[in-house]
Amino acid sequence: MENVRKHTTNVYEAVLVASKRARQLNEERLAKLELMPEDESIDIDTRKVTEIALKELSDGLIKTER
């Protein structure tokens, strides 16, 4: 969590940013799942979307406005 705080002004902002990114990731995952019966080469990340979003935020891959 300390790495996340480096990229946001406070914890509440981090929660909002991560939850918004998690929703985006979930929408992308659902779109891929719909295409799976047609294209079996689609690879879906099995990690939880919140885990992915927090990792992206802590790695500085998500930019926030200050």
N, C-alpha and C. Protein backbone atom coordinates (compact mmCIF):
# COMPACT_ATOMS: atom_id res chain seq x y z
N MET A 1 0.83 -1.20 0.00
CA MET A 1 0.00 0.00 0.00
C MET A 1 0.87 1.25 0.00
N GLU A 2 2.05 1.14 0.54
CA GLU A 2 2.95 2.30 0.59
C GLU A 2 3.33 2.77 -0.82
N ASN A 3 3.53 1.82 -1.74
CA ASN A 3 3.85 2.19 -3.12
C ASN A 3 2.70 2.93 -3.78
N VAL A 4 1.48 2.56 -3.43
CA VAL A 4 0.30 3.22 -3.99
C VAL A 4 0.24 4.67 -3.53
N ARG A 5 0.60 4.92 -2.28
CA ARG A 5 0.55 6.28 -1.74
C ARG A 5 1.53 7.22 -2.43
N LYS A 6 2.58 6.69 -3.04
CA LYS A 6 3.55 7.53 -3.75
C LYS A 6 2.94 8.16 -4.99
N HIS A 7 1.92 7.51 -5.56
CA HIS A 7 1.37 7.95 -6.84
C HIS A 7 0.04 8.69 -6.71
N THR A 8 -0.46 8.83 -5.47
CA THR A 8 -1.71 9.56 -5.25
C THR A 8 -1.54 10.51 -4.08
N THR A 9 -2.45 11.44 -3.96
CA THR A 9 -2.34 12.41 -2.87
C THR A 9 -2.83 11.85 -1.54
N ASN A 10 -3.75 10.89 -1.57
CA ASN A 10 -4.22 10.27 -0.33
C ASN A 10 -4.81 8.89 -0.63
N VAL A 11 -5.11 8.17 0.42
CA VAL A 11 -5.59 6.79 0.28
C VAL A 11 -6.95 6.76 -0.41
N TYR A 12 -7.81 7.72 -0.13
CA TYR A 12 -9.15 7.74 -0.72
C TYR A 12 -9.08 7.91 -2.23
N GLU A 13 -8.15 8.75 -2.67
CA GLU A 13 -7.96 8.91 -4.12
C GLU A 13 -7.48 7.60 -4.72
N ALA A 14 -6.58 6.91 -4.03
CA ALA A 14 -6.07 5.63 -4.52
C ALA A 14 -7.20 4.62 -4.68
N VAL A 15 -8.10 4.59 -3.72
CA VAL A 15 -9.24 3.67 -3.79
C VAL A 15 -10.12 3.99 -4.99
N LEU A 16 -10.39 5.28 -5.21
CA LEU A 16 -11.22 5.68 -6.34
C LEU A 16 -10.57 5.35 -7.68
N VAL A 17 -9.28 5.65 -7.79
CA VAL A 17 -8.55 5.39 -9.04
C VAL A 17 -8.49 3.89 -9.31
N ALA A 18 -8.16 3.11 -8.29
CA ALA A 18 -8.05 1.67 -8.47
C ALA A 18 -9.40 1.03 -8.79
N SER A 19 -10.46 1.52 -8.17
CA SER A 19 -11.78 0.94 -8.45
C SER A 19 -12.24 1.27 -9.86
N LYS A 20 -11.93 2.47 -10.32
CA LYS A 20 -12.28 2.84 -11.69
C LYS A 20 -11.52 1.97 -12.69
N ARG A 21 -10.24 1.75 -12.43
CA ARG A 21 -9.43 0.91 -13.32
C ARG A 21 -9.92 -0.54 -13.26
N ALA A 22 -10.31 -1.02 -12.08
CA ALA A 22 -10.81 -2.38 -11.95
C ALA A 22 -12.09 -2.57 -12.77
N ARG A 23 -12.95 -1.57 -12.77
CA ARG A 23 -14.17 -1.65 -13.59
C ARG A 23 -13.82 -1.70 -15.07
N GLN A 24 -12.82 -0.92 -15.50
CA GLN A 24 -12.39 -0.96 -16.90
C GLN A 24 -11.85 -2.34 -17.25
N LEU A 25 -11.03 -2.89 -16.38
CA LEU A 25 -10.47 -4.22 -16.62
C LEU A 25 -11.56 -5.28 -16.69
N ASN A 26 -12.56 -5.15 -15.83
CA ASN A 26 -13.67 -6.10 -15.84
C ASN A 26 -14.46 -6.02 -17.14
N GLU A 27 -14.69 -4.82 -17.65
CA GLU A 27 -15.39 -4.66 -18.93
C GLU A 27 -14.60 -5.30 -20.05
N GLU A 28 -13.28 -5.10 -20.05
CA GLU A 28 -12.42 -5.71 -21.07
C GLU A 28 -12.48 -7.23 -20.98
N ARG A 29 -12.45 -7.74 -19.75
CA ARG A 29 -12.50 -9.20 -19.55
C ARG A 29 -13.82 -9.77 -20.05
N LEU A 30 -14.92 -9.10 -19.75
CA LEU A 30 -16.23 -9.58 -20.21
C LEU A 30 -16.32 -9.57 -21.73
N ALA A 31 -15.75 -8.56 -22.36
CA ALA A 31 -15.75 -8.51 -23.83
C ALA A 31 -14.95 -9.68 -24.41
N LYS A 32 -13.82 -10.00 -23.78
CA LYS A 32 -13.01 -11.13 -24.24
C LYS A 32 -13.76 -12.45 -24.05
N LEU A 33 -14.47 -12.58 -22.94
CA LEU A 33 -15.22 -13.80 -22.67
C LEU A 33 -16.31 -14.03 -23.71
N GLU A 34 -16.91 -12.94 -24.18
CA GLU A 34 -17.94 -13.06 -25.20
C GLU A 34 -17.35 -13.56 -26.52
N LEU A 35 -16.09 -13.21 -26.79
CA LEU A 35 -15.45 -13.63 -28.03
C LEU A 35 -14.82 -15.02 -27.95
N MET A 36 -14.68 -15.56 -26.76
CA MET A 36 -13.99 -16.83 -26.58
C MET A 36 -14.56 -17.99 -27.39
N PRO A 37 -15.88 -18.17 -27.47
CA PRO A 37 -16.37 -19.31 -28.26
C PRO A 37 -15.94 -19.24 -29.74
N GLU A 38 -15.75 -18.04 -30.25
CA GLU A 38 -15.36 -17.88 -31.65
C GLU A 38 -13.86 -17.98 -31.84
N ASP A 39 -13.10 -17.49 -30.87
CA ASP A 39 -11.64 -17.45 -30.99
C ASP A 39 -11.02 -18.02 -29.72
N GLU A 40 -10.57 -19.26 -29.77
CA GLU A 40 -10.04 -19.93 -28.59
C GLU A 40 -8.62 -19.51 -28.25
N SER A 41 -8.00 -18.66 -29.06
CA SER A 41 -6.64 -18.21 -28.79
C SER A 41 -6.61 -17.01 -27.84
N ILE A 42 -7.77 -16.54 -27.40
CA ILE A 42 -7.85 -15.39 -26.51
C ILE A 42 -7.35 -15.81 -25.13
N ASP A 43 -6.43 -15.00 -24.58
CA ASP A 43 -5.86 -15.28 -23.27
C ASP A 43 -6.46 -14.31 -22.26
N ILE A 44 -6.99 -14.85 -21.17
CA ILE A 44 -7.60 -14.03 -20.14
C ILE A 44 -6.81 -14.18 -18.85
N ASP A 45 -6.44 -13.05 -18.27
CA ASP A 45 -5.72 -13.03 -17.00
C ASP A 45 -6.67 -13.50 -15.89
N THR A 46 -6.26 -14.49 -15.11
CA THR A 46 -7.15 -15.05 -14.10
C THR A 46 -7.05 -14.35 -12.75
N ARG A 47 -6.15 -13.37 -12.62
CA ARG A 47 -6.06 -12.64 -11.36
C ARG A 47 -7.29 -11.77 -11.16
N LYS A 48 -7.56 -11.39 -9.93
CA LYS A 48 -8.68 -10.52 -9.65
C LYS A 48 -8.40 -9.14 -10.23
N VAL A 49 -9.44 -8.50 -10.75
CA VAL A 49 -9.25 -7.19 -11.38
C VAL A 49 -8.77 -6.14 -10.39
N THR A 50 -9.18 -6.26 -9.13
CA THR A 50 -8.70 -5.30 -8.12
C THR A 50 -7.21 -5.48 -7.86
N GLU A 51 -6.75 -6.71 -7.88
CA GLU A 51 -5.33 -6.98 -7.70
C GLU A 51 -4.51 -6.37 -8.84
N ILE A 52 -5.00 -6.53 -10.06
CA ILE A 52 -4.32 -5.98 -11.24
C ILE A 52 -4.30 -4.46 -11.16
N ALA A 53 -5.44 -3.85 -10.81
CA ALA A 53 -5.53 -2.39 -10.74
C ALA A 53 -4.59 -1.83 -9.69
N LEU A 54 -4.54 -2.43 -8.52
CA LEU A 54 -3.64 -1.95 -7.47
C LEU A 54 -2.18 -2.11 -7.87
N LYS A 55 -1.86 -3.20 -8.55
CA LYS A 55 -0.49 -3.42 -9.03
C LYS A 55 -0.11 -2.35 -10.05
N GLU A 56 -1.01 -2.06 -10.98
CA GLU A 56 -0.75 -1.02 -11.98
C GLU A 56 -0.56 0.34 -11.31
N LEU A 57 -1.37 0.62 -10.31
CA LEU A 57 -1.26 1.90 -9.60
C LEU A 57 0.07 1.98 -8.84
N SER A 58 0.45 0.92 -8.17
CA SER A 58 1.71 0.94 -7.40
C SER A 58 2.93 0.99 -8.31
N ASP A 59 2.79 0.45 -9.53
CA ASP A 59 3.90 0.50 -10.50
C ASP A 59 3.96 1.82 -11.26
N GLY A 60 2.98 2.69 -11.01
CA GLY A 60 2.97 3.99 -11.68
C GLY A 60 2.43 3.94 -13.10
N LEU A 61 1.71 2.87 -13.45
CA LEU A 61 1.17 2.74 -14.80
C LEU A 61 -0.12 3.51 -14.99
N ILE A 62 -0.75 3.88 -13.88
CA ILE A 62 -1.97 4.67 -13.93
C ILE A 62 -1.62 6.08 -13.49
N LYS A 63 -1.92 7.05 -14.32
CA LYS A 63 -1.63 8.44 -14.00
C LYS A 63 -2.85 9.10 -13.39
N THR A 64 -2.63 9.86 -12.34
CA THR A 64 -3.72 10.58 -11.69
C THR A 64 -3.51 12.07 -11.85
N GLU A 65 -4.61 12.80 -11.88
CA GLU A 65 -4.52 14.25 -11.97
C GLU A 65 -4.43 14.82 -10.56
N ARG A 66 -3.57 15.77 -10.37
CA ARG A 66 -3.43 16.39 -9.04
C ARG A 66 -3.88 17.82 -9.07
